[in-house]
Amino acid sequence: MIWKYMIQVNGMMFGMYESHVNNAIRKAFPVKKVTSSRSKNKTTVIAETKLDEDALCSATPATGYDVGEIRKEP
């Protein structure tokens, strides 16, 4: 099953910041794809396994950005 997570991430001001968030998630989880949009304050994660949402919340603030709501779709 494919899982899609939409994470609200506040504080990304430049394109490089999107890369910081994407790389932090890639290092912490076995994801298929991760993309971030600073204009939408959103990071989208595609994974083939269900991810621990608390761990997702912990991985992103390590980059210095605030995490808001996490929504997921199977």
PDB file of N, CA and C in Angstrom:
ATOM      1  N   MET A   1       0.844  -1.179   0.000  1.00  0.00           N
ATOM      2  CA  MET A   1       0.000   0.000   0.000  1.00  0.00           C
ATOM      3  C   MET A   1       0.890   1.243   0.000  1.00  0.00           C
ATOM      4  N   ILE A   2       0.460   2.258  -0.691  1.00  0.00           N
ATOM      5  CA  ILE A   2       1.171   3.534  -0.741  1.00  0.00           C
ATOM      6  C   ILE A   2       0.502   4.506   0.229  1.00  0.00           C
ATOM      7  N   TRP A   3       1.318   5.171   1.047  1.00  0.00           N
ATOM      8  CA  TRP A   3       0.829   6.158   2.003  1.00  0.00           C
ATOM      9  C   TRP A   3       1.307   7.541   1.579  1.00  0.00           C
ATOM     10  N   LYS A   4       0.404   8.515   1.665  1.00  0.00           N
ATOM     11  CA  LYS A   4       0.739   9.901   1.347  1.00  0.00           C
ATOM     12  C   LYS A   4       0.518  10.747   2.600  1.00  0.00           C
ATOM     13  N   TYR A   5       1.560  11.465   2.999  1.00  0.00           N
ATOM     14  CA  TYR A   5       1.501  12.338   4.170  1.00  0.00           C
ATOM     15  C   TYR A   5       1.667  13.779   3.717  1.00  0.00           C
ATOM     16  N   MET A   6       0.756  14.642   4.141  1.00  0.00           N
ATOM     17  CA  MET A   6       0.852  16.070   3.866  1.00  0.00           C
ATOM     18  C   MET A   6       1.124  16.757   5.201  1.00  0.00           C
ATOM     19  N   ILE A   7       2.282  17.382   5.296  1.00  0.00           N
ATOM     20  CA  ILE A   7       2.739  17.968   6.550  1.00  0.00           C
ATOM     21  C   ILE A   7       2.814  19.482   6.395  1.00  0.00           C
ATOM     22  N   GLN A   8       2.178  20.197   7.316  1.00  0.00           N
ATOM     23  CA  GLN A   8       2.300  21.649   7.323  1.00  0.00           C
ATOM     24  C   GLN A   8       3.643  21.991   7.961  1.00  0.00           C
ATOM     25  N   VAL A   9       4.490  22.709   7.217  1.00  0.00           N
ATOM     26  CA  VAL A   9       5.810  23.103   7.712  1.00  0.00           C
ATOM     27  C   VAL A   9       5.946  24.610   7.541  1.00  0.00           C
ATOM     28  N   ASN A  10       6.075  25.310   8.653  1.00  0.00           N
ATOM     29  CA  ASN A  10       6.191  26.769   8.629  1.00  0.00           C
ATOM     30  C   ASN A  10       7.645  27.190   8.803  1.00  0.00           C
ATOM     31  N   GLY A  11       8.038  28.257   8.138  1.00  0.00           N
ATOM     32  CA  GLY A  11       9.372  28.812   8.317  1.00  0.00           C
ATOM     33  C   GLY A  11      10.313  28.595   7.148  1.00  0.00           C
ATOM     34  N   MET A  12       9.864  27.911   6.107  1.00  0.00           N
ATOM     35  CA  MET A  12      10.716  27.727   4.930  1.00  0.00           C
ATOM     36  C   MET A  12      10.643  29.013   4.100  1.00  0.00           C
ATOM     37  N   MET A  13      11.742  29.755   4.040  1.00  0.00           N
ATOM     38  CA  MET A  13      11.746  31.044   3.348  1.00  0.00           C
ATOM     39  C   MET A  13      12.377  30.980   1.959  1.00  0.00           C
ATOM     40  N   PHE A  14      13.286  30.046   1.739  1.00  0.00           N
ATOM     41  CA  PHE A  14      14.016  29.957   0.479  1.00  0.00           C
ATOM     42  C   PHE A  14      14.009  28.517  -0.019  1.00  0.00           C
ATOM     43  N   GLY A  15      14.319  28.331  -1.299  1.00  0.00           N
ATOM     44  CA  GLY A  15      14.346  26.998  -1.892  1.00  0.00           C
ATOM     45  C   GLY A  15      15.285  26.044  -1.181  1.00  0.00           C
ATOM     46  N   MET A  16      16.394  26.565  -0.665  1.00  0.00           N
ATOM     47  CA  MET A  16      17.345  25.718   0.047  1.00  0.00           C
ATOM     48  C   MET A  16      16.699  25.105   1.297  1.00  0.00           C
ATOM     49  N   TYR A  17      15.787  25.841   1.907  1.00  0.00           N
ATOM     50  CA  TYR A  17      15.117  25.338   3.101  1.00  0.00           C
ATOM     51  C   TYR A  17      14.227  24.148   2.771  1.00  0.00           C
ATOM     52  N   GLU A  18      13.621  24.172   1.596  1.00  0.00           N
ATOM     53  CA  GLU A  18      12.835  23.021   1.152  1.00  0.00           C
ATOM     54  C   GLU A  18      13.735  21.789   1.076  1.00  0.00           C
ATOM     55  N   SER A  19      14.929  21.967   0.562  1.00  0.00           N
ATOM     56  CA  SER A  19      15.890  20.858   0.473  1.00  0.00           C
ATOM     57  C   SER A  19      16.282  20.348   1.847  1.00  0.00           C
ATOM     58  N   HIS A  20      16.452  21.249   2.818  1.00  0.00           N
ATOM     59  CA  HIS A  20      16.795  20.833   4.182  1.00  0.00           C
ATOM     60  C   HIS A  20      15.731  19.897   4.747  1.00  0.00           C
ATOM     61  N   VAL A  21      14.482  20.283   4.583  1.00  0.00           N
ATOM     62  CA  VAL A  21      13.376  19.464   5.095  1.00  0.00           C
ATOM     63  C   VAL A  21      13.326  18.125   4.357  1.00  0.00           C
ATOM     64  N   ASN A  22      13.414  18.157   3.039  1.00  0.00           N
ATOM     65  CA  ASN A  22      13.371  16.923   2.248  1.00  0.00           C
ATOM     66  C   ASN A  22      14.489  15.970   2.651  1.00  0.00           C
ATOM     67  N   ASN A  23      15.701  16.490   2.799  1.00  0.00           N
ATOM     68  CA  ASN A  23      16.836  15.642   3.165  1.00  0.00           C
ATOM     69  C   ASN A  23      16.689  15.057   4.560  1.00  0.00           C
ATOM     70  N   ALA A  24      16.163  15.832   5.504  1.00  0.00           N
ATOM     71  CA  ALA A  24      15.963  15.326   6.865  1.00  0.00           C
ATOM     72  C   ALA A  24      14.980  14.161   6.866  1.00  0.00           C
ATOM     73  N   ILE A  25      13.926  14.267   6.086  1.00  0.00           N
ATOM     74  CA  ILE A  25      12.935  13.191   6.020  1.00  0.00           C
ATOM     75  C   ILE A  25      13.510  11.974   5.308  1.00  0.00           C
ATOM     76  N   ARG A  26      14.252  12.194   4.236  1.00  0.00           N
ATOM     77  CA  ARG A  26      14.877  11.063   3.518  1.00  0.00           C
ATOM     78  C   ARG A  26      15.850  10.293   4.409  1.00  0.00           C
ATOM     79  N   LYS A  27      16.579  11.013   5.253  1.00  0.00           N
ATOM     80  CA  LYS A  27      17.545  10.357   6.147  1.00  0.00           C
ATOM     81  C   LYS A  27      16.856   9.567   7.251  1.00  0.00           C
ATOM     82  N   ALA A  28      15.679  10.012   7.665  1.00  0.00           N
ATOM     83  CA  ALA A  28      15.000   9.396   8.804  1.00  0.00           C
ATOM     84  C   ALA A  28      14.040   8.271   8.423  1.00  0.00           C
ATOM     85  N   PHE A  29      13.584   8.255   7.168  1.00  0.00           N
ATOM     86  CA  PHE A  29      12.551   7.301   6.769  1.00  0.00           C
ATOM     87  C   PHE A  29      12.827   6.706   5.395  1.00  0.00           C
ATOM     88  N   PRO A  30      12.335   5.484   5.162  1.00  0.00           N
ATOM     89  CA  PRO A  30      12.454   4.876   3.825  1.00  0.00           C
ATOM     90  C   PRO A  30      11.313   5.368   2.930  1.00  0.00           C
ATOM     91  N   VAL A  31      11.461   6.557   2.378  1.00  0.00           N
ATOM     92  CA  VAL A  31      10.389   7.151   1.582  1.00  0.00           C
ATOM     93  C   VAL A  31      10.621   6.916   0.099  1.00  0.00           C
ATOM     94  N   LYS A  32       9.526   6.899  -0.626  1.00  0.00           N
ATOM     95  CA  LYS A  32       9.592   6.760  -2.079  1.00  0.00           C
ATOM     96  C   LYS A  32       9.827   8.125  -2.723  1.00  0.00           C
ATOM     97  N   LYS A  33       9.179   9.165  -2.163  1.00  0.00           N
ATOM     98  CA  LYS A  33       9.307  10.515  -2.705  1.00  0.00           C
ATOM     99  C   LYS A  33       8.982  11.527  -1.612  1.00  0.00           C
ATOM    100  N   VAL A  34       9.671  12.652  -1.630  1.00  0.00           N
ATOM    101  CA  VAL A  34       9.358  13.757  -0.716  1.00  0.00           C
ATOM    102  C   VAL A  34       9.562  15.070  -1.462  1.00  0.00           C
ATOM    103  N   THR A  35       8.581  15.954  -1.345  1.00  0.00           N
ATOM    104  CA  THR A  35       8.665  17.278  -1.957  1.00  0.00           C
ATOM    105  C   THR A  35       8.170  18.315  -0.955  1.00  0.00           C
ATOM    106  N   SER A  36       8.719  19.510  -1.044  1.00  0.00           N
ATOM    107  CA  SER A  36       8.296  20.601  -0.171  1.00  0.00           C
ATOM    108  C   SER A  36       7.997  21.836  -1.000  1.00  0.00           C
ATOM    109  N   SER A  37       7.072  22.638  -0.494  1.00  0.00           N
ATOM    110  CA  SER A  37       6.720  23.904  -1.132  1.00  0.00           C
ATOM    111  C   SER A  37       6.706  24.988  -0.067  1.00  0.00           C
ATOM    112  N   ARG A  38       7.627  25.935  -0.173  1.00  0.00           N
ATOM    113  CA  ARG A  38       7.667  27.024   0.805  1.00  0.00           C
ATOM    114  C   ARG A  38       6.475  27.956   0.628  1.00  0.00           C
ATOM    115  N   SER A  39       5.971  28.108  -0.599  1.00  0.00           N
ATOM    116  CA  SER A  39       4.831  28.992  -0.832  1.00  0.00           C
ATOM    117  C   SER A  39       3.538  28.426  -0.249  1.00  0.00           C
ATOM    118  N   LYS A  40       3.444  27.102  -0.172  1.00  0.00           N
ATOM    119  CA  LYS A  40       2.255  26.451   0.390  1.00  0.00           C
ATOM    120  C   LYS A  40       2.466  26.010   1.833  1.00  0.00           C
ATOM    121  N   ASN A  41       3.700  26.188   2.363  1.00  0.00           N
ATOM    122  CA  ASN A  41       4.037  25.723   3.718  1.00  0.00           C
ATOM    123  C   ASN A  41       3.689  24.252   3.880  1.00  0.00           C
ATOM    124  N   LYS A  42       4.082  23.451   2.886  1.00  0.00           N
ATOM    125  CA  LYS A  42       3.675  22.049   2.884  1.00  0.00           C
ATOM    126  C   LYS A  42       4.811  21.152   2.406  1.00  0.00           C
ATOM    127  N   THR A  43       4.920  19.999   3.066  1.00  0.00           N
ATOM    128  CA  THR A  43       5.811  18.932   2.618  1.00  0.00           C
ATOM    129  C   THR A  43       4.946  17.710   2.373  1.00  0.00           C
ATOM    130  N   THR A  44       5.143  17.064   1.241  1.00  0.00           N
ATOM    131  CA  THR A  44       4.396  15.860   0.891  1.00  0.00           C
ATOM    132  C   THR A  44       5.362  14.689   0.848  1.00  0.00           C
ATOM    133  N   VAL A  45       4.996  13.628   1.558  1.00  0.00           N
ATOM    134  CA  VAL A  45       5.835  12.436   1.645  1.00  0.00           C
ATOM    135  C   VAL A  45       5.046  11.252   1.104  1.00  0.00           C
ATOM    136  N   ILE A  46       5.653  10.493   0.208  1.00  0.00           N
ATOM    137  CA  ILE A  46       5.063   9.267  -0.325  1.00  0.00           C
ATOM    138  C   ILE A  46       5.918   8.107   0.180  1.00  0.00           C
ATOM    139  N   ALA A  47       5.277   7.130   0.810  1.00  0.00           N
ATOM    140  CA  ALA A  47       6.001   5.982   1.358  1.00  0.00           C
ATOM    141  C   ALA A  47       5.227   4.701   1.078  1.00  0.00           C
ATOM    142  N   GLU A  48       5.965   3.613   0.988  1.00  0.00           N
ATOM    143  CA  GLU A  48       5.331   2.312   0.750  1.00  0.00           C
ATOM    144  C   GLU A  48       4.925   1.631   2.045  1.00  0.00           C
ATOM    145  N   THR A  49       5.356   2.179   3.174  1.00  0.00           N
ATOM    146  CA  THR A  49       4.965   1.660   4.479  1.00  0.00           C
ATOM    147  C   THR A  49       4.390   2.805   5.305  1.00  0.00           C
ATOM    148  N   LYS A  50       3.602   2.451   6.298  1.00  0.00           N
ATOM    149  CA  LYS A  50       3.040   3.447   7.188  1.00  0.00           C
ATOM    150  C   LYS A  50       4.167   4.023   8.043  1.00  0.00           C
ATOM    151  N   LEU A  51       4.217   5.353   8.169  1.00  0.00           N
ATOM    152  CA  LEU A  51       5.265   6.012   8.936  1.00  0.00           C
ATOM    153  C   LEU A  51       4.743   6.449  10.296  1.00  0.00           C
ATOM    154  N   ASP A  52       5.633   6.512  11.259  1.00  0.00           N
ATOM    155  CA  ASP A  52       5.310   6.976  12.604  1.00  0.00           C
ATOM    156  C   ASP A  52       5.154   8.500  12.552  1.00  0.00           C
ATOM    157  N   GLU A  53       3.955   8.987  12.801  1.00  0.00           N
ATOM    158  CA  GLU A  53       3.692  10.424  12.688  1.00  0.00           C
ATOM    159  C   GLU A  53       4.448  11.234  13.732  1.00  0.00           C
ATOM    160  N   ASP A  54       4.621  10.685  14.929  1.00  0.00           N
ATOM    161  CA  ASP A  54       5.398  11.387  15.951  1.00  0.00           C
ATOM    162  C   ASP A  54       6.846  11.542  15.507  1.00  0.00           C
ATOM    163  N   ALA A  55       7.383  10.505  14.879  1.00  0.00           N
ATOM    164  CA  ALA A  55       8.758  10.573  14.376  1.00  0.00           C
ATOM    165  C   ALA A  55       8.859  11.567  13.224  1.00  0.00           C
ATOM    166  N   LEU A  56       7.823  11.652  12.392  1.00  0.00           N
ATOM    167  CA  LEU A  56       7.804  12.658  11.320  1.00  0.00           C
ATOM    168  C   LEU A  56       7.856  14.060  11.917  1.00  0.00           C
ATOM    169  N   CYS A  57       7.084  14.266  12.963  1.00  0.00           N
ATOM    170  CA  CYS A  57       7.080  15.568  13.639  1.00  0.00           C
ATOM    171  C   CYS A  57       8.447  15.880  14.224  1.00  0.00           C
ATOM    172  N   SER A  58       9.125  14.869  14.734  1.00  0.00           N
ATOM    173  CA  SER A  58      10.441  15.068  15.346  1.00  0.00           C
ATOM    174  C   SER A  58      11.530  15.311  14.313  1.00  0.00           C
ATOM    175  N   ALA A  59      11.446  14.688  13.165  1.00  0.00           N
ATOM    176  CA  ALA A  59      12.494  14.817  12.145  1.00  0.00           C
ATOM    177  C   ALA A  59      12.517  16.209  11.532  1.00  0.00           C
ATOM    178  N   THR A  60      11.363  16.785  11.306  1.00  0.00           N
ATOM    179  CA  THR A  60      11.304  18.075  10.624  1.00  0.00           C
ATOM    180  C   THR A  60      11.769  19.238  11.501  1.00  0.00           C
ATOM    181  N   PRO A  61      11.370  19.342  12.778  1.00  0.00           N
ATOM    182  CA  PRO A  61      11.858  20.454  13.590  1.00  0.00           C
ATOM    183  C   PRO A  61      13.372  20.429  13.812  1.00  0.00           C
ATOM    184  N   ALA A  62      13.995  19.284  13.611  1.00  0.00           N
ATOM    185  CA  ALA A  62      15.450  19.213  13.737  1.00  0.00           C
ATOM    186  C   ALA A  62      16.114  20.146  12.730  1.00  0.00           C
ATOM    187  N   THR A  63      15.393  20.519  11.680  1.00  0.00           N
ATOM    188  CA  THR A  63      15.923  21.443  10.680  1.00  0.00           C
ATOM    189  C   THR A  63      15.633  22.896  11.055  1.00  0.00           C
ATOM    190  N   GLY A  64      14.865  23.124  12.120  1.00  0.00           N
ATOM    191  CA  GLY A  64      14.576  24.476  12.579  1.00  0.00           C
ATOM    192  C   GLY A  64      13.238  25.037  12.140  1.00  0.00           C
ATOM    193  N   TYR A  65      12.382  24.217  11.568  1.00  0.00           N
ATOM    194  CA  TYR A  65      11.085  24.679  11.088  1.00  0.00           C
ATOM    195  C   TYR A  65       9.978  24.102  11.958  1.00  0.00           C
ATOM    196  N   ASP A  66       8.860  24.817  12.026  1.00  0.00           N
ATOM    197  CA  ASP A  66       7.732  24.390  12.850  1.00  0.00           C
ATOM    198  C   ASP A  66       6.801  23.489  12.059  1.00  0.00           C
ATOM    199  N   VAL A  67       6.395  22.396  12.701  1.00  0.00           N
ATOM    200  CA  VAL A  67       5.465  21.450  12.081  1.00  0.00           C
ATOM    201  C   VAL A  67       4.071  21.702  12.622  1.00  0.00           C
ATOM    202  N   GLY A  68       3.113  21.754  11.719  1.00  0.00           N
ATOM    203  CA  GLY A  68       1.721  21.902  12.105  1.00  0.00           C
ATOM    204  C   GLY A  68       0.992  20.584  11.915  1.00  0.00           C
ATOM    205  N   GLU A  69      -0.113  20.647  11.246  1.00  0.00           N
ATOM    206  CA  GLU A  69      -0.973  19.483  11.019  1.00  0.00           C
ATOM    207  C   GLU A  69      -0.320  18.473  10.070  1.00  0.00           C
ATOM    208  N   ILE A  70      -0.554  17.193  10.368  1.00  0.00           N
ATOM    209  CA  ILE A  70      -0.152  16.116   9.461  1.00  0.00           C
ATOM    210  C   ILE A  70      -1.419  15.391   9.034  1.00  0.00           C
ATOM    211  N   ARG A  71      -1.622  15.295   7.715  1.00  0.00           N
ATOM    212  CA  ARG A  71      -2.742  14.518   7.185  1.00  0.00           C
ATOM    213  C   ARG A  71      -2.172  13.354   6.401  1.00  0.00           C
ATOM    214  N   LYS A  72      -2.870  12.227   6.430  1.00  0.00           N
ATOM    215  CA  LYS A  72      -2.383  11.074   5.664  1.00  0.00           C
ATOM    216  C   LYS A  72      -3.522  10.445   4.891  1.00  0.00           C
ATOM    217  N   GLU A  73      -3.142   9.836   3.775  1.00  0.00           N
ATOM    218  CA  GLU A  73      -4.091   9.114   2.926  1.00  0.00           C
ATOM    219  C   GLU A  73      -3.466   7.778   2.566  1.00  0.00           C
ATOM    220  N   PRO A  74      -4.233   6.702   2.730  1.00  0.00           N
ATOM    221  CA  PRO A  74      -3.686   5.405   2.301  1.00  0.00           C
ATOM    222  C   PRO A  74      -3.710   5.280   0.786  1.00  0.00           C
TER     223      PRO A  74
END
